Every structure is written in structure tokens, then in C-alpha cells.
Amino acid sequence: MAERPIDPDVDLHVPEQRAELRPESRWPVLAMIAAGGALGASARFWAQSAWPARPAGFPWATFWVNVSGCLLIGVLMVLITEVGRAHRLVRPFLGVGVLGGFTTFSTYVVESRAVVAAGAPVTALAYLAATMAAALAAVTLGMLVTRRLAGVGR
């Protein structure tokens, strides 16, 4: 049985696509992830500070951060894998860094637990289910709309 690739949009048999595996190529990638992560996490912090959740309330800021981030991840992945070839640092910066730092499924779980602890288990369950459903729908919508607008399809 053939081994499945770790990153399906990288063919490890093509030397140009293996550049990120060389030690001298890792530092620029890590720098882009760190810079993008700082920007994404700062944007998330701003959103959560602007719209704080009540202890037993629905955490709307985190909900919309995760849903909008998933939508943008869907758009980005189609643009850089199906529409055109992006510079090798675009995906680490925007995908892993900015959008990875912006979305926060760890906070989603912590907030769910806090809502239960505050005495609102039904709200927590609604938050858990709504976030997962909306995030999956958003990434799918982002991909489908981007494919349609770009004239590409699978």
C-alpha cells in the first residue's frame, strides 16, 4: 500500500516542492508563521475584548471569529491550491499564521466548559453544536463560492 502524502498539494517527488524540508528553508517559514500568528491572535483578542461574553451567555465573539476564520480558510486554500501558485510563504503566513492565530477552537472548548460551570449547560451545548456546524458550513461555502467566482471546479 502506498504511503499517503502528509501535505496533498506537495509532491515530494518534485525537488522544487521539497524546499521547505531543507533546514535553511525552515527559518523563513517559522518567521512567517510567527508574524501571521501575532496578527491573527491580536485580531481575535480585539474581537473578544470588544464583545465579551457574560459568564452564562453565548460567546458570540469567539463564535463569529471561528466561523469567519473558517470561511477565509476555505477561500485561501482554493486560491493557493486550485486557482494559482502562491509564493511558498503565503500559506504559512496567512493560513497557519494569521488564520490559525485568529481562529480558536481551544478557547471554544474552554468557554463551553465555563458556560456549563456558570449553570447554563443548554447554552454550552448549543454553542458547541452551532460552532461546529457553522464552521464546517463556512469553510465549505468559502471553497464553493471561490471556485465558482474563479471558474475552477472539482
N, C-alpha and C. Protein backbone atom coordinates (compact mmCIF):
# COMPACT_ATOMS: atom_id res chain seq x y z
N MET A 1 0.84 -1.18 0.00
CA MET A 1 0.00 0.00 0.00
C MET A 1 0.89 1.24 0.00
N ALA A 2 0.59 2.17 -0.87
CA ALA A 2 1.38 3.40 -0.99
C ALA A 2 1.13 4.31 0.20
N GLU A 3 2.19 4.95 0.64
CA GLU A 3 2.08 5.88 1.76
C GLU A 3 1.41 7.15 1.28
N ARG A 4 0.43 7.65 2.05
CA ARG A 4 -0.27 8.87 1.68
C ARG A 4 0.59 10.08 2.03
N PRO A 5 0.56 11.10 1.18
CA PRO A 5 1.37 12.29 1.46
C PRO A 5 0.83 13.05 2.68
N ILE A 6 1.74 13.67 3.41
CA ILE A 6 1.36 14.47 4.57
C ILE A 6 0.63 15.72 4.10
N ASP A 7 1.11 16.32 3.07
CA ASP A 7 0.55 17.55 2.53
C ASP A 7 0.14 17.27 1.09
N PRO A 8 -1.15 17.06 0.82
CA PRO A 8 -1.57 16.60 -0.50
C PRO A 8 -1.29 17.55 -1.66
N ASP A 9 -1.01 18.83 -1.39
CA ASP A 9 -0.71 19.72 -2.51
C ASP A 9 0.79 19.84 -2.75
N VAL A 10 1.59 18.99 -2.10
CA VAL A 10 3.03 18.96 -2.30
C VAL A 10 3.40 17.56 -2.77
N ASP A 11 4.04 17.48 -3.94
CA ASP A 11 4.51 16.21 -4.46
C ASP A 11 5.99 16.09 -4.07
N LEU A 12 6.28 15.19 -3.15
CA LEU A 12 7.65 15.06 -2.65
C LEU A 12 8.61 14.48 -3.69
N HIS A 13 8.10 14.02 -4.82
CA HIS A 13 8.96 13.54 -5.89
C HIS A 13 9.47 14.69 -6.77
N VAL A 14 8.92 15.88 -6.58
CA VAL A 14 9.34 17.06 -7.34
C VAL A 14 10.28 17.87 -6.45
N PRO A 15 11.57 17.94 -6.80
CA PRO A 15 12.55 18.61 -5.93
C PRO A 15 12.18 20.04 -5.53
N GLU A 16 11.59 20.82 -6.43
CA GLU A 16 11.24 22.20 -6.11
C GLU A 16 10.19 22.28 -4.99
N GLN A 17 9.37 21.24 -4.86
CA GLN A 17 8.33 21.25 -3.84
C GLN A 17 8.81 20.72 -2.49
N ARG A 18 10.06 20.26 -2.45
CA ARG A 18 10.61 19.76 -1.19
C ARG A 18 11.47 20.80 -0.49
N ALA A 19 11.49 22.02 -1.01
CA ALA A 19 12.38 23.05 -0.48
C ALA A 19 12.12 23.33 0.99
N GLU A 20 10.87 23.26 1.42
CA GLU A 20 10.56 23.57 2.81
C GLU A 20 11.13 22.55 3.78
N LEU A 21 11.58 21.40 3.28
CA LEU A 21 12.15 20.37 4.15
C LEU A 21 13.62 20.60 4.46
N ARG A 22 14.28 21.47 3.68
CA ARG A 22 15.69 21.75 3.93
C ARG A 22 15.83 22.64 5.16
N PRO A 23 16.81 22.37 6.02
CA PRO A 23 16.97 23.17 7.25
C PRO A 23 17.06 24.66 7.02
N GLU A 24 17.76 25.11 5.97
CA GLU A 24 17.90 26.55 5.74
C GLU A 24 16.59 27.18 5.30
N SER A 25 15.63 26.38 4.90
CA SER A 25 14.33 26.90 4.46
C SER A 25 13.32 27.01 5.59
N ARG A 26 13.62 26.44 6.72
CA ARG A 26 12.65 26.42 7.82
C ARG A 26 12.50 27.77 8.51
N TRP A 27 13.58 28.51 8.66
CA TRP A 27 13.52 29.76 9.42
C TRP A 27 12.59 30.79 8.80
N PRO A 28 12.61 31.01 7.49
CA PRO A 28 11.65 31.96 6.91
C PRO A 28 10.20 31.50 7.12
N VAL A 29 9.96 30.21 7.02
CA VAL A 29 8.62 29.68 7.24
C VAL A 29 8.19 29.93 8.68
N LEU A 30 9.04 29.62 9.62
CA LEU A 30 8.72 29.84 11.03
C LEU A 30 8.51 31.32 11.34
N ALA A 31 9.30 32.17 10.71
CA ALA A 31 9.13 33.61 10.92
C ALA A 31 7.78 34.09 10.39
N MET A 32 7.38 33.58 9.24
CA MET A 32 6.08 33.97 8.67
C MET A 32 4.92 33.45 9.53
N ILE A 33 5.04 32.24 10.03
CA ILE A 33 4.01 31.70 10.91
C ILE A 33 3.91 32.55 12.17
N ALA A 34 5.05 32.89 12.75
CA ALA A 34 5.05 33.69 13.98
C ALA A 34 4.46 35.08 13.74
N ALA A 35 4.87 35.73 12.66
CA ALA A 35 4.34 37.07 12.36
C ALA A 35 2.84 37.02 12.08
N GLY A 36 2.42 36.06 11.27
CA GLY A 36 1.00 35.91 10.98
C GLY A 36 0.21 35.55 12.22
N GLY A 37 0.75 34.67 13.04
CA GLY A 37 0.08 34.28 14.28
C GLY A 37 -0.11 35.46 15.22
N ALA A 38 0.88 36.32 15.29
CA ALA A 38 0.75 37.51 16.14
C ALA A 38 -0.37 38.42 15.65
N LEU A 39 -0.46 38.58 14.33
CA LEU A 39 -1.53 39.41 13.77
C LEU A 39 -2.90 38.78 13.99
N GLY A 40 -3.02 37.49 13.71
CA GLY A 40 -4.30 36.80 13.88
C GLY A 40 -4.76 36.77 15.32
N ALA A 41 -3.85 36.45 16.22
CA ALA A 41 -4.21 36.40 17.64
C ALA A 41 -4.56 37.79 18.17
N SER A 42 -3.89 38.81 17.66
CA SER A 42 -4.22 40.19 18.07
C SER A 42 -5.62 40.58 17.61
N ALA A 43 -5.96 40.20 16.38
CA ALA A 43 -7.30 40.48 15.87
C ALA A 43 -8.36 39.75 16.69
N ARG A 44 -8.08 38.50 17.05
CA ARG A 44 -9.02 37.74 17.88
C ARG A 44 -9.16 38.39 19.25
N PHE A 45 -8.04 38.79 19.85
CA PHE A 45 -8.08 39.44 21.16
C PHE A 45 -8.93 40.71 21.10
N TRP A 46 -8.76 41.48 20.02
CA TRP A 46 -9.54 42.71 19.86
C TRP A 46 -11.03 42.37 19.80
N ALA A 47 -11.39 41.37 19.00
CA ALA A 47 -12.81 41.00 18.86
C ALA A 47 -13.38 40.52 20.19
N GLN A 48 -12.64 39.70 20.90
CA GLN A 48 -13.13 39.18 22.17
C GLN A 48 -13.17 40.26 23.25
N SER A 49 -12.30 41.24 23.15
CA SER A 49 -12.34 42.36 24.10
C SER A 49 -13.50 43.30 23.79
N ALA A 50 -13.78 43.48 22.51
CA ALA A 50 -14.86 44.39 22.11
C ALA A 50 -16.24 43.80 22.43
N TRP A 51 -16.37 42.48 22.37
CA TRP A 51 -17.66 41.82 22.63
C TRP A 51 -17.48 40.70 23.64
N PRO A 52 -17.21 41.04 24.91
CA PRO A 52 -17.02 39.98 25.91
C PRO A 52 -18.33 39.23 26.19
N ALA A 53 -18.18 37.96 26.49
CA ALA A 53 -19.35 37.12 26.79
C ALA A 53 -19.65 37.19 28.29
N ARG A 54 -20.94 37.15 28.60
CA ARG A 54 -21.34 37.03 30.00
C ARG A 54 -21.03 35.61 30.46
N PRO A 55 -20.84 35.37 31.76
CA PRO A 55 -20.46 34.03 32.24
C PRO A 55 -21.37 32.90 31.74
N ALA A 56 -22.67 33.09 31.74
CA ALA A 56 -23.58 32.03 31.30
C ALA A 56 -24.14 32.32 29.91
N GLY A 57 -23.56 33.31 29.22
CA GLY A 57 -24.08 33.70 27.91
C GLY A 57 -23.38 32.99 26.77
N PHE A 58 -23.95 33.12 25.62
CA PHE A 58 -23.39 32.55 24.39
C PHE A 58 -22.17 33.38 23.98
N PRO A 59 -21.00 32.76 23.82
CA PRO A 59 -19.78 33.51 23.45
C PRO A 59 -19.77 33.91 21.97
N TRP A 60 -20.52 34.95 21.64
CA TRP A 60 -20.69 35.35 20.24
C TRP A 60 -19.40 35.76 19.56
N ALA A 61 -18.52 36.45 20.27
CA ALA A 61 -17.27 36.90 19.62
C ALA A 61 -16.45 35.71 19.14
N THR A 62 -16.26 34.72 19.99
CA THR A 62 -15.49 33.55 19.59
C THR A 62 -16.20 32.77 18.49
N PHE A 63 -17.53 32.69 18.59
CA PHE A 63 -18.31 32.02 17.55
C PHE A 63 -18.04 32.66 16.20
N TRP A 64 -18.19 33.99 16.10
CA TRP A 64 -18.01 34.67 14.82
C TRP A 64 -16.56 34.70 14.35
N VAL A 65 -15.62 34.73 15.29
CA VAL A 65 -14.21 34.64 14.92
C VAL A 65 -13.95 33.29 14.25
N ASN A 66 -14.42 32.22 14.86
CA ASN A 66 -14.18 30.89 14.29
C ASN A 66 -14.90 30.69 12.95
N VAL A 67 -16.13 31.15 12.86
CA VAL A 67 -16.88 30.99 11.62
C VAL A 67 -16.25 31.82 10.49
N SER A 68 -15.94 33.08 10.75
CA SER A 68 -15.34 33.92 9.70
C SER A 68 -13.95 33.42 9.34
N GLY A 69 -13.19 32.96 10.32
CA GLY A 69 -11.87 32.40 10.03
C GLY A 69 -11.95 31.16 9.16
N CYS A 70 -12.93 30.30 9.42
CA CYS A 70 -13.11 29.09 8.60
C CYS A 70 -13.52 29.46 7.18
N LEU A 71 -14.38 30.46 7.04
CA LEU A 71 -14.76 30.92 5.71
C LEU A 71 -13.53 31.38 4.93
N LEU A 72 -12.69 32.17 5.59
CA LEU A 72 -11.47 32.68 4.94
C LEU A 72 -10.47 31.57 4.64
N ILE A 73 -10.40 30.56 5.49
CA ILE A 73 -9.52 29.41 5.22
C ILE A 73 -9.98 28.69 3.95
N GLY A 74 -11.30 28.53 3.80
CA GLY A 74 -11.83 27.91 2.59
C GLY A 74 -11.47 28.70 1.35
N VAL A 75 -11.61 30.02 1.43
CA VAL A 75 -11.25 30.89 0.30
C VAL A 75 -9.76 30.78 0.01
N LEU A 76 -8.94 30.91 1.03
CA LEU A 76 -7.48 30.89 0.85
C LEU A 76 -7.01 29.59 0.23
N MET A 77 -7.48 28.47 0.73
CA MET A 77 -6.98 27.20 0.22
C MET A 77 -7.33 26.99 -1.24
N VAL A 78 -8.50 27.42 -1.67
CA VAL A 78 -8.84 27.31 -3.09
C VAL A 78 -7.93 28.24 -3.91
N LEU A 79 -7.74 29.46 -3.43
CA LEU A 79 -6.92 30.41 -4.18
C LEU A 79 -5.49 29.92 -4.35
N ILE A 80 -4.90 29.33 -3.32
CA ILE A 80 -3.48 28.97 -3.42
C ILE A 80 -3.23 27.55 -3.89
N THR A 81 -4.28 26.72 -3.95
CA THR A 81 -4.05 25.35 -4.43
C THR A 81 -4.74 25.04 -5.75
N GLU A 82 -5.81 25.76 -6.07
CA GLU A 82 -6.56 25.44 -7.29
C GLU A 82 -6.55 26.57 -8.31
N VAL A 83 -6.51 27.80 -7.86
CA VAL A 83 -6.57 28.93 -8.79
C VAL A 83 -5.18 29.28 -9.30
N GLY A 84 -4.22 29.34 -8.42
CA GLY A 84 -2.87 29.70 -8.84
C GLY A 84 -1.84 29.23 -7.85
N ARG A 85 -0.60 29.36 -8.22
CA ARG A 85 0.51 29.00 -7.34
C ARG A 85 0.90 30.25 -6.55
N ALA A 86 0.96 30.12 -5.27
CA ALA A 86 1.35 31.24 -4.42
C ALA A 86 2.81 31.07 -4.01
N HIS A 87 3.42 32.16 -3.61
CA HIS A 87 4.76 32.11 -3.04
C HIS A 87 4.75 31.13 -1.89
N ARG A 88 5.84 30.45 -1.67
CA ARG A 88 5.89 29.40 -0.65
C ARG A 88 5.63 29.89 0.77
N LEU A 89 5.72 31.19 1.01
CA LEU A 89 5.48 31.72 2.36
C LEU A 89 4.06 32.24 2.56
N VAL A 90 3.25 32.24 1.50
CA VAL A 90 1.88 32.75 1.64
C VAL A 90 1.05 31.86 2.56
N ARG A 91 1.08 30.57 2.30
CA ARG A 91 0.29 29.65 3.13
C ARG A 91 0.74 29.64 4.59
N PRO A 92 2.04 29.56 4.89
CA PRO A 92 2.43 29.63 6.30
C PRO A 92 2.02 30.94 6.96
N PHE A 93 2.15 32.05 6.23
CA PHE A 93 1.80 33.35 6.81
C PHE A 93 0.29 33.49 7.01
N LEU A 94 -0.47 33.33 5.92
CA LEU A 94 -1.91 33.56 6.00
C LEU A 94 -2.68 32.39 6.61
N GLY A 95 -2.40 31.18 6.15
CA GLY A 95 -3.16 30.02 6.60
C GLY A 95 -2.82 29.60 8.02
N VAL A 96 -1.57 29.24 8.23
CA VAL A 96 -1.16 28.76 9.55
C VAL A 96 -1.04 29.91 10.54
N GLY A 97 -0.44 31.00 10.10
CA GLY A 97 -0.20 32.13 10.99
C GLY A 97 -1.43 32.96 11.28
N VAL A 98 -1.85 33.79 10.30
CA VAL A 98 -2.95 34.73 10.54
C VAL A 98 -4.25 34.00 10.89
N LEU A 99 -4.69 33.09 10.02
CA LEU A 99 -5.98 32.44 10.27
C LEU A 99 -5.89 31.39 11.37
N GLY A 100 -4.75 30.75 11.50
CA GLY A 100 -4.55 29.82 12.62
C GLY A 100 -4.53 30.54 13.96
N GLY A 101 -3.93 31.73 13.98
CA GLY A 101 -3.92 32.52 15.21
C GLY A 101 -5.25 33.20 15.49
N PHE A 102 -5.99 33.49 14.43
CA PHE A 102 -7.29 34.15 14.57
C PHE A 102 -8.34 33.17 15.09
N THR A 103 -8.46 32.01 14.45
CA THR A 103 -9.44 31.03 14.91
C THR A 103 -8.95 30.41 16.21
N THR A 104 -9.89 29.97 17.03
CA THR A 104 -9.51 29.47 18.34
C THR A 104 -10.47 28.41 18.83
N PHE A 105 -10.21 27.19 18.41
CA PHE A 105 -11.08 26.12 18.87
C PHE A 105 -10.71 25.65 20.27
N SER A 106 -9.55 26.00 20.76
CA SER A 106 -9.23 25.70 22.16
C SER A 106 -10.04 26.61 23.09
N THR A 107 -10.14 27.89 22.74
CA THR A 107 -10.96 28.81 23.54
C THR A 107 -12.42 28.41 23.47
N TYR A 108 -12.85 27.93 22.35
CA TYR A 108 -14.22 27.44 22.17
C TYR A 108 -14.55 26.36 23.21
N VAL A 109 -13.62 25.44 23.42
CA VAL A 109 -13.83 24.36 24.39
C VAL A 109 -13.79 24.92 25.82
N VAL A 110 -12.83 25.78 26.11
CA VAL A 110 -12.72 26.38 27.44
C VAL A 110 -13.97 27.20 27.76
N GLU A 111 -14.44 27.99 26.80
CA GLU A 111 -15.65 28.79 27.02
C GLU A 111 -16.88 27.90 27.22
N SER A 112 -16.95 26.80 26.50
CA SER A 112 -18.07 25.87 26.68
C SER A 112 -18.09 25.33 28.11
N ARG A 113 -16.94 24.97 28.58
CA ARG A 113 -16.83 24.46 29.96
C ARG A 113 -17.21 25.55 30.97
N ALA A 114 -16.79 26.77 30.72
CA ALA A 114 -17.12 27.87 31.62
C ALA A 114 -18.61 28.16 31.63
N VAL A 115 -19.26 28.05 30.48
CA VAL A 115 -20.70 28.27 30.41
C VAL A 115 -21.44 27.19 31.20
N VAL A 116 -20.97 25.95 31.10
CA VAL A 116 -21.57 24.87 31.90
C VAL A 116 -21.37 25.16 33.38
N ALA A 117 -20.15 25.56 33.76
CA ALA A 117 -19.85 25.86 35.16
C ALA A 117 -20.68 27.03 35.68
N ALA A 118 -21.07 27.94 34.80
CA ALA A 118 -21.89 29.09 35.19
C ALA A 118 -23.37 28.72 35.29
N GLY A 119 -23.70 27.46 35.02
CA GLY A 119 -25.07 27.00 35.18
C GLY A 119 -25.93 27.04 33.93
N ALA A 120 -25.30 27.04 32.76
CA ALA A 120 -26.07 27.10 31.52
C ALA A 120 -25.64 25.99 30.56
N PRO A 121 -25.88 24.73 30.93
CA PRO A 121 -25.43 23.63 30.07
C PRO A 121 -26.12 23.61 28.70
N VAL A 122 -27.36 24.05 28.62
CA VAL A 122 -28.05 24.07 27.33
C VAL A 122 -27.40 25.10 26.40
N THR A 123 -27.03 26.24 26.94
CA THR A 123 -26.33 27.26 26.15
C THR A 123 -24.98 26.71 25.68
N ALA A 124 -24.28 26.02 26.56
CA ALA A 124 -22.98 25.45 26.19
C ALA A 124 -23.14 24.41 25.08
N LEU A 125 -24.15 23.57 25.20
CA LEU A 125 -24.38 22.56 24.16
C LEU A 125 -24.74 23.22 22.83
N ALA A 126 -25.57 24.26 22.89
CA ALA A 126 -25.93 24.99 21.67
C ALA A 126 -24.68 25.63 21.05
N TYR A 127 -23.82 26.18 21.89
CA TYR A 127 -22.58 26.80 21.42
C TYR A 127 -21.67 25.76 20.77
N LEU A 128 -21.51 24.61 21.41
CA LEU A 128 -20.68 23.55 20.85
C LEU A 128 -21.20 23.10 19.48
N ALA A 129 -22.48 22.81 19.41
CA ALA A 129 -23.06 22.31 18.16
C ALA A 129 -23.09 23.39 17.07
N ALA A 130 -23.50 24.59 17.43
CA ALA A 130 -23.61 25.66 16.44
C ALA A 130 -22.25 26.04 15.87
N THR A 131 -21.23 26.06 16.71
CA THR A 131 -19.90 26.42 16.22
C THR A 131 -19.39 25.39 15.22
N MET A 132 -19.52 24.13 15.56
CA MET A 132 -19.02 23.09 14.64
C MET A 132 -19.80 23.12 13.32
N ALA A 133 -21.11 23.20 13.40
CA ALA A 133 -21.92 23.21 12.19
C ALA A 133 -21.63 24.45 11.34
N ALA A 134 -21.57 25.61 11.98
CA ALA A 134 -21.33 26.85 11.24
C ALA A 134 -19.91 26.91 10.67
N ALA A 135 -18.93 26.41 11.42
CA ALA A 135 -17.55 26.42 10.93
C ALA A 135 -17.39 25.51 9.71
N LEU A 136 -17.97 24.32 9.77
CA LEU A 136 -17.91 23.41 8.62
C LEU A 136 -18.65 23.98 7.42
N ALA A 137 -19.81 24.57 7.67
CA ALA A 137 -20.57 25.20 6.58
C ALA A 137 -19.79 26.37 6.00
N ALA A 138 -19.13 27.15 6.84
CA ALA A 138 -18.39 28.32 6.38
C ALA A 138 -17.21 27.93 5.50
N VAL A 139 -16.43 26.94 5.91
CA VAL A 139 -15.29 26.54 5.09
C VAL A 139 -15.77 25.97 3.76
N THR A 140 -16.85 25.22 3.79
CA THR A 140 -17.41 24.68 2.55
C THR A 140 -17.91 25.80 1.65
N LEU A 141 -18.63 26.74 2.23
CA LEU A 141 -19.14 27.88 1.46
C LEU A 141 -17.99 28.69 0.86
N GLY A 142 -16.97 28.94 1.66
CA GLY A 142 -15.81 29.68 1.16
C GLY A 142 -15.17 29.00 -0.03
N MET A 143 -15.04 27.68 0.04
CA MET A 143 -14.46 26.93 -1.07
C MET A 143 -15.36 26.96 -2.30
N LEU A 144 -16.65 26.70 -2.11
CA LEU A 144 -17.57 26.64 -3.24
C LEU A 144 -17.71 27.98 -3.95
N VAL A 145 -17.87 29.05 -3.18
CA VAL A 145 -18.02 30.38 -3.78
C VAL A 145 -16.74 30.80 -4.49
N THR A 146 -15.60 30.53 -3.89
CA THR A 146 -14.33 30.90 -4.52
C THR A 146 -14.12 30.12 -5.80
N ARG A 147 -14.43 28.83 -5.78
CA ARG A 147 -14.32 28.03 -7.01
C ARG A 147 -15.22 28.58 -8.11
N ARG A 148 -16.45 28.91 -7.74
CA ARG A 148 -17.39 29.43 -8.74
C ARG A 148 -16.89 30.76 -9.30
N LEU A 149 -16.50 31.68 -8.42
CA LEU A 149 -16.04 33.00 -8.87
C LEU A 149 -14.76 32.91 -9.70
N ALA A 150 -13.90 31.94 -9.35
CA ALA A 150 -12.64 31.79 -10.07
C ALA A 150 -12.79 30.92 -11.32
N GLY A 151 -13.92 30.27 -11.47
CA GLY A 151 -14.14 29.43 -12.64
C GLY A 151 -13.39 28.12 -12.60
N VAL A 152 -13.11 27.63 -11.41
CA VAL A 152 -12.46 26.32 -11.28
C VAL A 152 -13.44 25.39 -10.58
N GLY A 153 -13.26 24.12 -10.77
CA GLY A 153 -14.15 23.16 -10.12
C GLY A 153 -13.49 21.83 -9.94
N ARG A 154 -14.02 21.09 -9.03
CA ARG A 154 -13.51 19.75 -8.78
C ARG A 154 -14.49 18.75 -9.30
